[in-house]
Amino acid sequence: MKFRLTPLNFATAAFIALAVDIWINGAKLSGGKYEHFGSAISWMFILFAAAVSFLDLTFRNFFPETKRIWIVELSFIILATVLYILVS
């Protein structure tokens, strides 16, 4: 099995880095009411990283070509971003 870099690999790494940063430095939310939510937010990012990693494995099983994986995963990231912007 050869190792292939994909966009969701980068997203998983970013979620883990955010979780570690928030765990170490704490979450600085506006208003100051939620000072002790740093660990809860870190656990959420770890959960997101696990979900994205599972999704990456699923896409790898459906699309054997690296070029097609990049297209599908970038399309998924763009779709998720647009949906997030529309909902918020």
Protein backbone atom coordinates (compact mmCIF):
# COMPACT_ATOMS: atom_id res chain seq x y z
CA MET A 1 0.00 0.00 0.00
CA LYS A 2 1.52 3.28 -1.06
CA PHE A 3 1.03 6.51 0.84
CA ARG A 4 -0.82 9.25 -1.05
CA LEU A 5 -1.30 12.82 0.09
CA THR A 6 -4.86 14.08 -0.28
CA PRO A 7 -6.73 17.24 0.76
CA LEU A 8 -8.51 15.43 3.58
CA ASN A 9 -5.11 14.37 4.96
CA PHE A 10 -4.25 18.05 5.27
CA ALA A 11 -7.66 18.76 6.86
CA THR A 12 -7.10 15.97 9.41
CA ALA A 13 -3.68 17.37 10.27
CA ALA A 14 -5.15 20.87 10.63
CA PHE A 15 -7.91 19.64 12.96
CA ILE A 16 -5.38 17.80 15.13
CA ALA A 17 -3.09 20.86 15.22
CA LEU A 18 -6.04 23.07 16.23
CA ALA A 19 -7.05 20.61 18.93
CA VAL A 20 -3.53 20.55 20.39
CA ASP A 21 -3.22 24.35 20.20
CA ILE A 22 -6.55 24.91 21.94
CA TRP A 23 -5.75 22.26 24.53
CA ILE A 24 -2.42 23.92 25.37
CA ASN A 25 -3.32 27.62 25.05
CA GLY A 26 -7.02 27.46 25.83
CA ALA A 27 -9.94 28.82 23.86
CA LYS A 28 -10.27 32.55 23.94
CA LEU A 29 -13.93 33.18 23.19
CA SER A 30 -15.51 36.59 23.15
CA GLY A 31 -17.48 37.60 26.20
CA GLY A 32 -15.37 35.71 28.72
CA LYS A 33 -18.26 33.47 29.88
CA TYR A 34 -16.78 30.29 28.46
CA GLU A 35 -13.30 30.20 29.91
CA HIS A 36 -13.26 26.46 30.67
CA PHE A 37 -14.48 25.12 27.32
CA GLY A 38 -11.00 24.59 25.88
CA SER A 39 -10.93 20.85 26.46
CA ALA A 40 -14.48 20.39 25.09
CA ILE A 41 -13.57 22.30 21.94
CA SER A 42 -10.37 20.26 21.62
CA TRP A 43 -12.37 17.04 21.83
CA MET A 44 -14.71 18.34 19.12
CA PHE A 45 -11.75 18.98 16.81
CA ILE A 46 -10.40 15.50 17.54
CA LEU A 47 -13.84 14.08 16.65
CA PHE A 48 -13.83 16.13 13.42
CA ALA A 49 -10.35 14.78 12.62
CA ALA A 50 -11.54 11.18 13.14
CA ALA A 51 -14.58 11.75 10.91
CA VAL A 52 -12.50 13.37 8.16
CA SER A 53 -9.95 10.56 8.37
CA PHE A 54 -12.71 7.96 8.00
CA LEU A 55 -14.14 9.89 5.05
CA ASP A 56 -10.70 9.97 3.44
CA LEU A 57 -10.41 6.19 3.76
CA THR A 58 -13.87 5.79 2.25
CA PHE A 59 -12.97 7.98 -0.74
CA ARG A 60 -9.75 6.02 -1.22
CA ASN A 61 -11.74 2.79 -1.53
CA PHE A 62 -14.10 4.24 -4.14
CA PHE A 63 -11.53 6.10 -6.27
CA PRO A 64 -8.24 4.29 -6.94
CA GLU A 65 -6.65 7.13 -8.95
CA THR A 66 -4.93 9.92 -7.02
CA LYS A 67 -6.06 12.63 -9.47
CA ARG A 68 -9.71 11.63 -9.09
CA ILE A 69 -9.38 11.54 -5.28
CA TRP A 70 -8.05 15.11 -5.30
CA ILE A 71 -10.97 16.29 -7.46
CA VAL A 72 -13.61 14.55 -5.33
CA GLU A 73 -12.12 15.61 -1.99
CA LEU A 74 -11.61 19.23 -3.03
CA SER A 75 -15.22 19.27 -4.29
CA PHE A 76 -16.36 17.89 -0.94
CA ILE A 77 -14.39 20.52 0.98
CA ILE A 78 -15.82 23.32 -1.18
CA LEU A 79 -19.36 21.96 -0.78
CA ALA A 80 -18.99 21.68 2.99
CA THR A 81 -17.60 25.22 3.17
CA VAL A 82 -20.44 26.66 1.09
CA LEU A 83 -23.03 24.83 3.20
CA TYR A 84 -21.42 26.11 6.38
CA ILE A 85 -21.48 29.68 5.09
CA LEU A 86 -25.11 29.38 4.01
CA VAL A 87 -26.23 27.94 7.35
CA SER A 88 -24.33 30.39 9.57
